[in-house]
Every structure is written in C-alpha cells, then in structure tokens.
Amino acid sequence: MEKNEYLCNVNKAEEQQFAILSSRVSSAEREKHEAQKKARLLEQ
C-alpha cells in the first residue's frame, strides 16, 4: 500500500469515527432536552 493510499484510508476511518461520535452527541443532546422538558412539566 502506498503512503497516500494509507493516509486516505486513515482519513476515511477518522471521518467515520467523527460521524459516529457526532451522532452520539446529538442523541445525548436530544435525550437531555427531553429530560429537561419532562422535569419542567413535573414541576408545574
């Protein structure tokens, strides 16, 4: 494998990892928002 091909594969793997982590953060933010919403309703 050439160096450029290796670096391209590394970049693709990093992009996939970033996409997975970004998705997890988005899910966590949605869950947090929903939990806060429920907490506000329970307080009323």
C-alpha atoms as a PDB file:
ATOM      1  CA  MET A   1       0.000   0.000   0.000  1.00  0.00           C
ATOM      2  CA  GLU A   2       1.326   3.399  -0.909  1.00  0.00           C
ATOM      3  CA  LYS A   3       1.665   6.158   1.644  1.00  0.00           C
ATOM      4  CA  ASN A   4      -1.062   8.283   0.012  1.00  0.00           C
ATOM      5  CA  GLU A   5      -3.489   5.364  -0.053  1.00  0.00           C
ATOM      6  CA  TYR A   6      -2.750   4.648   3.603  1.00  0.00           C
ATOM      7  CA  LEU A   7      -3.363   8.295   4.567  1.00  0.00           C
ATOM      8  CA  CYS A   8      -6.595   8.312   2.577  1.00  0.00           C
ATOM      9  CA  ASN A   9      -7.786   5.203   4.444  1.00  0.00           C
ATOM     10  CA  VAL A  10      -6.825   6.775   7.782  1.00  0.00           C
ATOM     11  CA  ASN A  11      -8.786   9.920   6.889  1.00  0.00           C
ATOM     12  CA  LYS A  12     -11.840   7.858   5.962  1.00  0.00           C
ATOM     13  CA  ALA A  13     -11.648   5.949   9.241  1.00  0.00           C
ATOM     14  CA  GLU A  14     -11.331   9.196  11.186  1.00  0.00           C
ATOM     15  CA  GLU A  15     -14.287  10.681   9.327  1.00  0.00           C
ATOM     16  CA  GLN A  16     -16.386   7.620  10.186  1.00  0.00           C
ATOM     17  CA  GLN A  17     -15.398   7.848  13.853  1.00  0.00           C
ATOM     18  CA  PHE A  18     -16.228  11.559  13.888  1.00  0.00           C
ATOM     19  CA  ALA A  19     -19.630  10.878  12.318  1.00  0.00           C
ATOM     20  CA  ILE A  20     -20.378   8.214  14.940  1.00  0.00           C
ATOM     21  CA  LEU A  21     -19.344  10.480  17.806  1.00  0.00           C
ATOM     22  CA  SER A  22     -21.312  13.394  16.371  1.00  0.00           C
ATOM     23  CA  SER A  23     -24.390  11.196  16.157  1.00  0.00           C
ATOM     24  CA  ARG A  24     -23.949  10.103  19.783  1.00  0.00           C
ATOM     25  CA  VAL A  25     -23.607  13.721  20.917  1.00  0.00           C
ATOM     26  CA  SER A  26     -26.759  14.671  19.019  1.00  0.00           C
ATOM     27  CA  SER A  27     -28.648  11.778  20.601  1.00  0.00           C
ATOM     28  CA  ALA A  28     -27.422  12.738  24.059  1.00  0.00           C
ATOM     29  CA  GLU A  29     -28.467  16.346  23.499  1.00  0.00           C
ATOM     30  CA  ARG A  30     -31.944  15.239  22.397  1.00  0.00           C
ATOM     31  CA  GLU A  31     -32.270  12.987  25.456  1.00  0.00           C
ATOM     32  CA  LYS A  32     -31.148  15.820  27.730  1.00  0.00           C
ATOM     33  CA  HIS A  33     -33.656  18.179  26.148  1.00  0.00           C
ATOM     34  CA  GLU A  34     -36.464  15.648  26.577  1.00  0.00           C
ATOM     35  CA  ALA A  35     -35.484  15.025  30.211  1.00  0.00           C
ATOM     36  CA  GLN A  36     -35.468  18.769  30.913  1.00  0.00           C
ATOM     37  CA  LYS A  37     -38.857  19.106  29.233  1.00  0.00           C
ATOM     38  CA  LYS A  38     -40.307  16.298  31.405  1.00  0.00           C
ATOM     39  CA  ALA A  39     -38.778  17.831  34.530  1.00  0.00           C
ATOM     40  CA  ARG A  40     -40.390  21.194  33.769  1.00  0.00           C
ATOM     41  CA  LEU A  41     -43.782  19.510  33.255  1.00  0.00           C
ATOM     42  CA  LEU A  42     -43.463  17.636  36.549  1.00  0.00           C
ATOM     43  CA  GLU A  43     -42.606  20.860  38.378  1.00  0.00           C
ATOM     44  CA  GLN A  44     -45.832  22.510  37.212  1.00  0.00           C
END
